[in-house]
């Protein structure tokens, strides 16, 4: 039976939920009619083992992160195994190197007993025009950023433990400068593919074989360019990841799941409920677009969203938990 491992986002409690909240979940099984794949992907758990994780805001502070992991685990009733955190070429107007900025986070998460899922962006929506041009996908594809990614690969290699890396997530949307549908981006889905492959090749060349690459489109497509146009190919992707936020039809995941589930395990790398509306009433009414916490966990425990596997575990967190 092939694993479908998911990363979700939601909230605990009945307060307001931020759309940046994220949590991770694992779903097991095989879609009806799909061929069974016996070979496991990199870091895909054996048997019925699954990953359970969350994105917590204190990744940069060990005491804060420890407190939040403990609080989350106590509230969820499940030990956290994966912590999601974000990285980029530029942050706050300055270039961020992996040895100077991200090596410590890898070690910090490991010391606290979890694996890292790094959501890495070549460009940020808030970046200046100069920064967007500097980290243009075409320049990456042509080798202009080889030294930068060689440094990243060496940091990951020297770290030694398992690392999940998602490059330029939600590329099939229209809100990031590395997307073809982003206004005046000047890049294409093919530019994305070529840049992705070059980055992965650099990691391999530098011996960073402990990196597992997670390709993470949005569900659904937004902007007219389908997720399939951005797929780098089976040899360059270890896991499929999706962002699936409230208000979207769970069946929207069906197409992407059935396209790749026979050959790749899945992360739902982002999921969250809306901060608006009466979420407790929504849960009772069975609406999946505005649910919260344990109420949703209980309601979804026997559900089969998107026609995906029936054996599903949902756990939740809030970016404010333990703060």
Protein backbone atom coordinates (compact mmCIF):
# COMPACT_ATOMS: atom_id res chain seq x y z
CA UNK A 1 0.00 0.00 0.00
CA UNK A 2 1.42 3.40 -0.99
CA UNK A 3 1.57 6.22 1.51
CA UNK A 4 -0.13 9.56 1.01
CA UNK A 5 1.57 11.89 3.48
CA UNK A 6 0.01 15.25 3.97
CA UNK A 7 0.89 18.62 5.48
CA UNK A 8 -2.11 20.58 6.72
CA UNK A 9 -2.77 23.87 8.46
CA UNK A 10 -5.51 24.79 10.89
CA UNK A 11 -6.21 26.08 14.40
CA UNK A 12 -6.70 24.78 17.89
CA UNK A 13 -9.38 26.34 20.02
CA UNK A 14 -12.29 28.44 18.92
CA UNK A 15 -10.41 31.72 18.41
CA UNK A 16 -9.35 33.40 15.18
CA UNK A 17 -7.19 31.30 12.86
CA UNK A 18 -4.43 32.77 10.75
CA UNK A 19 -4.19 31.60 7.15
CA UNK A 20 -0.44 31.24 7.72
CA UNK A 21 -1.05 28.48 10.23
CA UNK A 22 0.11 25.09 9.05
CA UNK A 23 0.14 21.53 10.27
CA UNK A 24 1.19 18.25 8.80
CA UNK A 25 -0.64 15.02 8.47
CA UNK A 26 -0.22 11.64 6.86
CA UNK A 27 -2.80 9.73 4.89
CA UNK A 28 -2.38 6.11 3.89
CA UNK A 29 -3.68 4.14 0.95
CA UNK A 30 -3.92 3.77 -2.79
CA UNK A 31 -6.44 5.41 -5.13
CA UNK A 32 -8.91 3.06 -6.73
CA UNK A 33 -7.60 1.65 -9.98
CA UNK A 34 -4.08 3.04 -9.54
CA UNK A 35 -1.13 0.67 -9.81
CA UNK A 36 0.48 -0.33 -6.54
CA UNK A 37 4.02 0.97 -6.14
CA UNK A 38 6.24 -1.22 -3.98
CA UNK A 39 9.40 0.91 -3.86
CA UNK A 40 9.31 3.58 -1.18
CA UNK A 41 10.41 7.13 -1.87
CA UNK A 42 13.17 8.86 0.07
CA UNK A 43 12.20 9.01 3.77
CA UNK A 44 8.80 7.50 3.09
CA UNK A 45 7.90 5.64 6.32
CA UNK A 46 7.43 1.89 6.18
CA UNK A 47 4.17 0.12 6.91
CA UNK A 48 1.54 2.25 8.63
CA UNK A 49 4.00 4.82 9.96
CA UNK A 50 3.17 8.44 9.13
CA UNK A 51 4.61 11.92 9.64
CA UNK A 52 2.82 14.45 11.81
CA UNK A 53 4.08 18.00 11.95
CA UNK A 54 3.37 21.71 12.05
CA UNK A 55 4.75 25.09 11.12
CA UNK A 56 5.62 26.96 14.31
CA UNK A 57 6.78 30.59 14.42
CA UNK A 58 9.68 30.16 16.85
CA UNK A 59 12.02 28.30 14.48
CA UNK A 60 14.73 30.91 15.06
CA UNK A 61 14.71 30.63 18.87
CA UNK A 62 15.40 27.27 20.50
CA UNK A 63 13.70 27.90 23.83
CA UNK A 64 10.63 29.31 22.11
CA UNK A 65 10.50 26.46 19.62
CA UNK A 66 10.87 23.89 22.41
CA UNK A 67 8.01 25.49 24.32
CA UNK A 68 5.78 25.53 21.27
CA UNK A 69 6.56 21.92 20.33
CA UNK A 70 5.72 20.82 23.86
CA UNK A 71 2.50 22.84 23.93
CA UNK A 72 1.45 21.63 20.50
CA UNK A 73 2.19 18.00 21.25
CA UNK A 74 0.23 18.18 24.51
CA UNK A 75 -2.77 19.81 22.83
CA UNK A 76 -2.75 17.51 19.79
CA UNK A 77 -2.02 14.33 21.71
CA UNK A 78 0.63 13.45 19.14
CA UNK A 79 4.40 13.92 19.09
CA UNK A 80 5.57 16.37 16.45
CA UNK A 81 7.87 14.73 13.90
CA UNK A 82 8.21 17.49 11.25
CA UNK A 83 8.61 21.26 11.66
CA UNK A 84 7.99 23.44 8.59
CA UNK A 85 9.92 26.68 8.26
CA UNK A 86 10.48 29.23 5.52
CA UNK A 87 13.63 30.41 3.77
CA UNK A 88 14.41 32.60 0.77
CA UNK A 89 17.25 34.08 -1.26
CA UNK A 90 16.32 37.50 0.12
CA UNK A 91 14.70 38.49 3.40
CA UNK A 92 14.35 42.02 4.70
CA UNK A 93 16.24 43.38 1.70
CA UNK A 94 19.33 41.27 2.33
CA UNK A 95 20.57 38.08 0.70
CA UNK A 96 20.31 35.07 3.02
CA UNK A 97 23.03 32.46 2.72
CA UNK A 98 22.47 28.94 3.98
CA UNK A 99 25.65 28.71 6.03
CA UNK A 100 25.04 32.11 7.61
CA UNK A 101 21.28 31.92 8.14
CA UNK A 102 19.77 28.46 7.82
CA UNK A 103 22.33 25.94 9.10
CA UNK A 104 21.46 26.82 12.69
CA UNK A 105 17.75 26.24 12.10
CA UNK A 106 18.40 22.77 10.70
CA UNK A 107 20.45 21.87 13.77
CA UNK A 108 17.95 23.47 16.16
CA UNK A 109 14.98 21.51 14.84
CA UNK A 110 17.02 18.28 14.93
CA UNK A 111 18.06 18.85 18.55
CA UNK A 112 14.39 19.11 19.46
CA UNK A 113 13.66 15.75 17.88
CA UNK A 114 12.02 16.73 14.58
CA UNK A 115 12.76 16.80 10.86
CA UNK A 116 12.75 20.03 8.82
CA UNK A 117 10.49 20.76 5.87
CA UNK A 118 11.97 23.93 4.34
CA UNK A 119 9.70 26.02 2.14
CA UNK A 120 12.36 27.80 0.07
CA UNK A 121 11.50 30.73 -2.22
CA UNK A 122 13.80 32.11 -4.89
CA UNK A 123 11.73 35.31 -4.84
CA UNK A 124 9.38 36.91 -2.36
CA UNK A 125 6.31 38.91 -3.33
CA UNK A 126 7.51 41.78 -1.11
CA UNK A 127 10.96 41.87 -2.69
CA UNK A 128 12.18 44.91 -4.57
CA UNK A 129 12.29 44.94 -8.36
CA UNK A 130 16.08 44.67 -8.19
CA UNK A 131 15.86 41.60 -5.95
CA UNK A 132 13.25 39.98 -8.18
CA UNK A 133 15.46 40.51 -11.18
CA UNK A 134 18.54 39.23 -9.31
CA UNK A 135 16.88 35.93 -8.40
CA UNK A 136 15.07 35.53 -11.70
CA UNK A 137 14.38 31.88 -12.54
CA UNK A 138 16.02 32.32 -15.92
CA UNK A 139 19.24 33.48 -14.29
CA UNK A 140 19.13 30.50 -11.95
CA UNK A 141 18.56 28.20 -14.93
CA UNK A 142 21.54 29.73 -16.76
CA UNK A 143 23.89 29.22 -13.81
CA UNK A 144 23.92 32.70 -12.31
CA UNK A 145 23.11 31.32 -8.85
CA UNK A 146 25.18 28.14 -8.93
CA UNK A 147 27.49 29.29 -6.12
CA UNK A 148 24.54 30.18 -3.91
CA UNK A 149 22.91 26.77 -4.29
CA UNK A 150 26.25 25.00 -3.99
CA UNK A 151 26.54 26.63 -0.56
CA UNK A 152 23.00 25.48 0.25
CA UNK A 153 23.81 21.94 -0.84
CA UNK A 154 27.00 21.86 1.23
CA UNK A 155 25.12 23.04 4.33
CA UNK A 156 22.50 20.33 3.88
CA UNK A 157 25.16 17.70 3.13
CA UNK A 158 27.21 18.60 6.21
CA UNK A 159 24.07 18.58 8.34
CA UNK A 160 23.78 14.91 7.46
CA UNK A 161 20.22 14.16 8.54
CA UNK A 162 17.02 13.94 6.48
CA UNK A 163 15.83 17.29 5.08
CA UNK A 164 12.68 17.98 3.06
CA UNK A 165 13.00 20.96 0.69
CA UNK A 166 10.11 22.53 -1.21
CA UNK A 167 11.29 25.01 -3.86
CA UNK A 168 9.00 27.87 -4.94
CA UNK A 169 5.73 26.43 -3.66
CA UNK A 170 2.32 27.41 -5.11
CA UNK A 171 3.95 28.11 -8.45
CA UNK A 172 0.64 27.52 -10.27
CA UNK A 173 -0.93 30.50 -8.52
CA UNK A 174 -0.63 34.17 -9.45
CA UNK A 175 0.80 35.70 -6.23
CA UNK A 176 4.53 34.87 -6.39
CA UNK A 177 7.02 36.45 -8.84
CA UNK A 178 8.30 33.01 -9.89
CA UNK A 179 4.88 32.11 -11.32
CA UNK A 180 4.01 32.51 -14.99
CA UNK A 181 0.61 33.94 -14.02
CA UNK A 182 2.13 36.59 -11.72
CA UNK A 183 1.60 40.02 -13.36
CA UNK A 184 4.58 40.94 -15.53
CA UNK A 185 6.74 38.16 -14.11
CA UNK A 186 8.36 37.51 -17.46
CA UNK A 187 8.95 33.86 -16.55
CA UNK A 188 7.31 30.72 -17.83
CA UNK A 189 6.47 27.34 -16.36
CA UNK A 190 9.35 25.93 -18.39
CA UNK A 191 11.73 28.42 -16.72
CA UNK A 192 10.54 27.02 -13.40
CA UNK A 193 11.26 23.45 -14.51
CA UNK A 194 14.75 24.24 -15.81
CA UNK A 195 15.66 26.20 -12.66
CA UNK A 196 14.30 23.43 -10.39
CA UNK A 197 16.31 20.78 -12.21
CA UNK A 198 19.49 22.86 -12.04
CA UNK A 199 19.09 23.32 -8.28
CA UNK A 200 18.51 19.61 -7.71
CA UNK A 201 21.50 18.74 -9.93
CA UNK A 202 23.69 21.08 -7.86
CA UNK A 203 22.60 19.35 -4.67
CA UNK A 204 23.42 15.98 -6.18
CA UNK A 205 26.77 17.15 -7.52
CA UNK A 206 27.70 18.39 -4.04
CA UNK A 207 26.74 15.15 -2.36
CA UNK A 208 23.61 16.44 -0.59
CA UNK A 209 21.79 13.16 -1.11
CA UNK A 210 20.07 13.56 2.26
CA UNK A 211 17.77 16.20 0.71
CA UNK A 212 14.30 15.07 -0.40
CA UNK A 213 12.63 17.49 -2.81
CA UNK A 214 8.93 18.25 -2.36
CA UNK A 215 7.10 19.76 -5.35
CA UNK A 216 4.21 21.80 -3.89
CA UNK A 217 1.56 23.31 -6.19
CA UNK A 218 -1.54 25.09 -5.00
CA UNK A 219 -4.97 23.41 -5.04
CA UNK A 220 -6.69 24.52 -7.18
CA UNK A 221 -4.86 26.13 -10.12
CA UNK A 222 -5.16 29.93 -10.06
CA UNK A 223 -4.23 32.11 -13.03
CA UNK A 224 -4.71 29.81 -15.99
CA UNK A 225 -1.46 27.79 -15.88
CA UNK A 226 -2.12 24.21 -14.66
CA UNK A 227 0.03 22.49 -12.06
CA UNK A 228 1.08 19.87 -14.62
CA UNK A 229 2.90 22.53 -16.67
CA UNK A 230 5.33 23.04 -13.77
CA UNK A 231 6.16 19.43 -12.99
CA UNK A 232 9.97 18.94 -13.15
CA UNK A 233 9.74 15.20 -13.81
CA UNK A 234 9.83 12.03 -11.74
CA UNK A 235 13.62 11.97 -11.56
CA UNK A 236 13.67 15.41 -9.93
CA UNK A 237 10.83 15.07 -7.41
CA UNK A 238 10.75 12.86 -4.31
CA UNK A 239 7.39 13.91 -2.86
CA UNK A 240 4.28 15.72 -4.09
CA UNK A 241 3.06 18.51 -1.82
CA UNK A 242 -0.07 20.65 -2.03
CA UNK A 243 -1.40 23.84 -0.46
CA UNK A 244 -5.08 23.40 0.27
CA UNK A 245 -6.83 26.26 2.07
CA UNK A 246 -10.36 26.73 3.36
CA UNK A 247 -13.07 27.57 0.89
CA UNK A 248 -11.69 25.17 -1.71
CA UNK A 249 -13.61 22.08 -2.78
CA UNK A 250 -11.93 18.95 -1.33
CA UNK A 251 -12.53 17.29 -4.70
CA UNK A 252 -10.06 19.75 -6.24
CA UNK A 253 -7.32 17.55 -4.81
CA UNK A 254 -8.61 14.52 -6.64
CA UNK A 255 -6.99 15.29 -10.00
CA UNK A 256 -3.52 15.99 -8.68
CA UNK A 257 -3.71 13.05 -6.30
CA UNK A 258 -4.70 10.60 -9.00
CA UNK A 259 -2.09 12.02 -11.36
CA UNK A 260 0.87 11.34 -9.06
CA UNK A 261 -0.13 9.08 -6.15
CA UNK A 262 0.82 5.86 -7.92
CA UNK A 263 4.45 6.97 -8.08
CA UNK A 264 5.02 9.59 -5.36
CA UNK A 265 4.02 9.99 -1.70
CA UNK A 266 2.15 13.16 -0.75
CA UNK A 267 2.53 16.05 1.65
CA UNK A 268 -0.32 18.50 2.15
CA UNK A 269 2.27 21.15 2.90
CA UNK A 270 -0.19 23.93 3.80
CA UNK A 271 -3.77 23.97 5.02
CA UNK A 272 -5.72 26.48 7.11
CA UNK A 273 -9.18 27.57 8.05
CA UNK A 274 -10.61 30.99 7.38
CA UNK A 275 -10.32 33.60 10.16
CA UNK A 276 -13.86 34.69 9.34
CA UNK A 277 -17.27 33.32 10.25
CA UNK A 278 -18.50 31.14 13.07
CA UNK A 279 -16.25 28.14 12.86
CA UNK A 280 -17.89 26.12 15.65
CA UNK A 281 -21.25 26.33 13.89
CA UNK A 282 -19.56 25.52 10.59
CA UNK A 283 -18.07 22.35 12.03
CA UNK A 284 -21.42 21.23 13.37
CA UNK A 285 -22.98 21.95 9.99
CA UNK A 286 -20.34 19.82 8.28
CA UNK A 287 -18.75 22.63 6.29
CA UNK A 288 -15.07 21.85 5.58
CA UNK A 289 -14.19 25.43 4.71
CA UNK A 290 -14.35 27.05 8.14
CA UNK A 291 -13.62 24.36 10.68
CA UNK A 292 -11.44 24.44 13.75
CA UNK A 293 -9.35 22.21 15.89
CA UNK A 294 -10.57 19.07 17.53
CA UNK A 295 -14.06 19.52 16.11
CA UNK A 296 -12.73 19.14 12.58
CA UNK A 297 -10.43 16.32 13.64
CA UNK A 298 -13.39 14.35 14.97
CA UNK A 299 -15.57 15.13 11.97
CA UNK A 300 -12.88 14.27 9.42
CA UNK A 301 -11.60 11.12 11.10
CA UNK A 302 -13.96 8.97 9.05
CA UNK A 303 -14.12 11.17 5.97
CA UNK A 304 -12.52 10.72 2.57
CA UNK A 305 -11.75 14.20 1.17
CA UNK A 306 -10.94 14.37 -2.56
CA UNK A 307 -11.56 10.64 -3.01
CA UNK A 308 -8.18 10.02 -1.38
CA UNK A 309 -7.33 7.07 0.87
CA UNK A 310 -9.78 6.27 3.67
CA UNK A 311 -7.21 5.93 6.48
CA UNK A 312 -6.60 9.52 7.50
CA UNK A 313 -5.30 11.25 10.61
CA UNK A 314 -5.80 14.99 11.10
CA UNK A 315 -4.05 17.09 13.72
CA UNK A 316 -3.97 20.85 14.12
CA UNK A 317 -2.10 23.78 15.55
CA UNK A 318 -2.11 27.53 15.84
CA UNK A 319 0.78 29.89 15.20
CA UNK A 320 0.03 31.37 18.59
CA UNK A 321 0.10 28.17 20.59
CA UNK A 322 2.53 28.22 23.46
CA UNK A 323 3.62 31.76 22.69
